[in-house]
Amino acid sequence: MIRTQVSLTDEQMARLRREAHRRGVSLAAVVRDAVDRSVPDDEAARVDRLERALRAAGSVASGSGDVAGGHDDVLSGERW
């Protein structure tokens, strides 16, 4: 890990300490978590978008009761 120095206001440090105590983790762990949530990894964001899209695609009916059996017709647009 890389060490760094960050300047915080008294109030920010107090909030950080309270949160670390509440979670039972170090100050550094809370800061790393905040960075991960605020500045997402590009690949992780891409995977998250893909997973959300796939969940959305599977969450609604297709409008055809026999997509599995007649998928060629459905995909060609003959059965919609």
Protein backbone atom coordinates (compact mmCIF):
# COMPACT_ATOMS: atom_id res chain seq x y z
CA MET A 1 0.00 0.00 0.00
CA ILE A 2 1.02 3.59 -0.54
CA ARG A 3 1.10 5.94 2.40
CA THR A 4 -0.21 9.45 1.93
CA GLN A 5 -0.99 12.47 4.03
CA VAL A 6 -4.35 14.21 3.92
CA SER A 7 -5.42 17.41 5.66
CA LEU A 8 -8.88 17.29 7.23
CA THR A 9 -10.91 19.76 9.20
CA ASP A 10 -11.57 19.01 12.87
CA GLU A 11 -15.16 18.11 12.00
CA GLN A 12 -14.13 15.77 9.17
CA MET A 13 -11.67 13.98 11.46
CA ALA A 14 -14.32 13.63 14.15
CA ARG A 15 -16.76 12.13 11.64
CA LEU A 16 -14.06 9.82 10.32
CA ARG A 17 -13.21 8.60 13.81
CA ARG A 18 -16.88 8.06 14.68
CA GLU A 19 -17.43 6.05 11.50
CA ALA A 20 -14.30 3.94 12.04
CA HIS A 21 -15.39 3.25 15.62
CA ARG A 22 -18.94 2.40 14.51
CA ARG A 23 -17.64 -0.09 11.93
CA GLY A 24 -14.85 -1.40 14.15
CA VAL A 25 -12.20 -0.68 11.51
CA SER A 26 -9.22 1.63 11.09
CA LEU A 27 -9.41 5.22 9.87
CA ALA A 28 -7.51 4.11 6.76
CA ALA A 29 -10.14 1.45 5.98
CA VAL A 30 -12.91 4.07 6.08
CA VAL A 31 -10.91 6.39 3.81
CA ARG A 32 -10.17 3.56 1.31
CA ASP A 33 -13.85 2.63 1.24
CA ALA A 34 -14.83 6.27 0.65
CA VAL A 35 -12.33 6.52 -2.22
CA ASP A 36 -13.66 3.31 -3.79
CA ARG A 37 -17.23 4.63 -3.63
CA SER A 38 -16.36 8.14 -4.82
CA VAL A 39 -13.87 7.28 -7.55
CA PRO A 40 -14.86 3.90 -8.99
CA ASP A 41 -12.43 1.78 -10.94
CA ASP A 42 -13.26 2.06 -14.67
CA GLU A 43 -13.40 -1.72 -15.10
CA ALA A 44 -15.56 -2.19 -12.00
CA ALA A 45 -17.93 0.53 -13.24
CA ARG A 46 -18.14 -1.16 -16.65
CA VAL A 47 -18.90 -4.54 -15.07
CA ASP A 48 -21.50 -2.93 -12.79
CA ARG A 49 -23.24 -1.29 -15.77
CA LEU A 50 -23.21 -4.61 -17.65
CA GLU A 51 -24.62 -6.51 -14.67
CA ARG A 52 -27.39 -3.92 -14.22
CA ALA A 53 -28.24 -4.11 -17.93
CA LEU A 54 -28.41 -7.90 -17.85
CA ARG A 55 -30.62 -7.86 -14.75
CA ALA A 56 -32.92 -5.32 -16.43
CA ALA A 57 -33.08 -7.35 -19.65
CA GLY A 58 -34.16 -10.44 -17.76
CA SER A 59 -36.67 -8.68 -15.56
CA VAL A 60 -39.47 -8.17 -18.07
CA ALA A 61 -41.54 -10.48 -20.24
CA SER A 62 -40.60 -10.64 -23.89
CA GLY A 63 -44.14 -10.40 -25.17
CA SER A 64 -43.97 -13.83 -26.74
CA GLY A 65 -44.88 -16.91 -24.78
CA ASP A 66 -42.63 -19.24 -26.78
CA VAL A 67 -39.30 -17.44 -27.13
CA ALA A 68 -37.26 -20.56 -26.36
CA GLY A 69 -39.01 -22.73 -28.94
CA GLY A 70 -39.33 -20.09 -31.64
CA HIS A 71 -36.31 -17.91 -30.98
CA ASP A 72 -35.32 -17.77 -34.66
CA ASP A 73 -38.74 -16.39 -35.58
CA VAL A 74 -38.66 -13.96 -32.65
CA LEU A 75 -35.17 -12.70 -33.54
CA SER A 76 -36.05 -12.30 -37.20
CA GLY A 77 -39.05 -10.17 -36.24
CA GLU A 78 -41.63 -12.56 -37.66
CA ARG A 79 -43.21 -13.16 -34.26
CA TRP A 80 -43.75 -10.03 -32.18
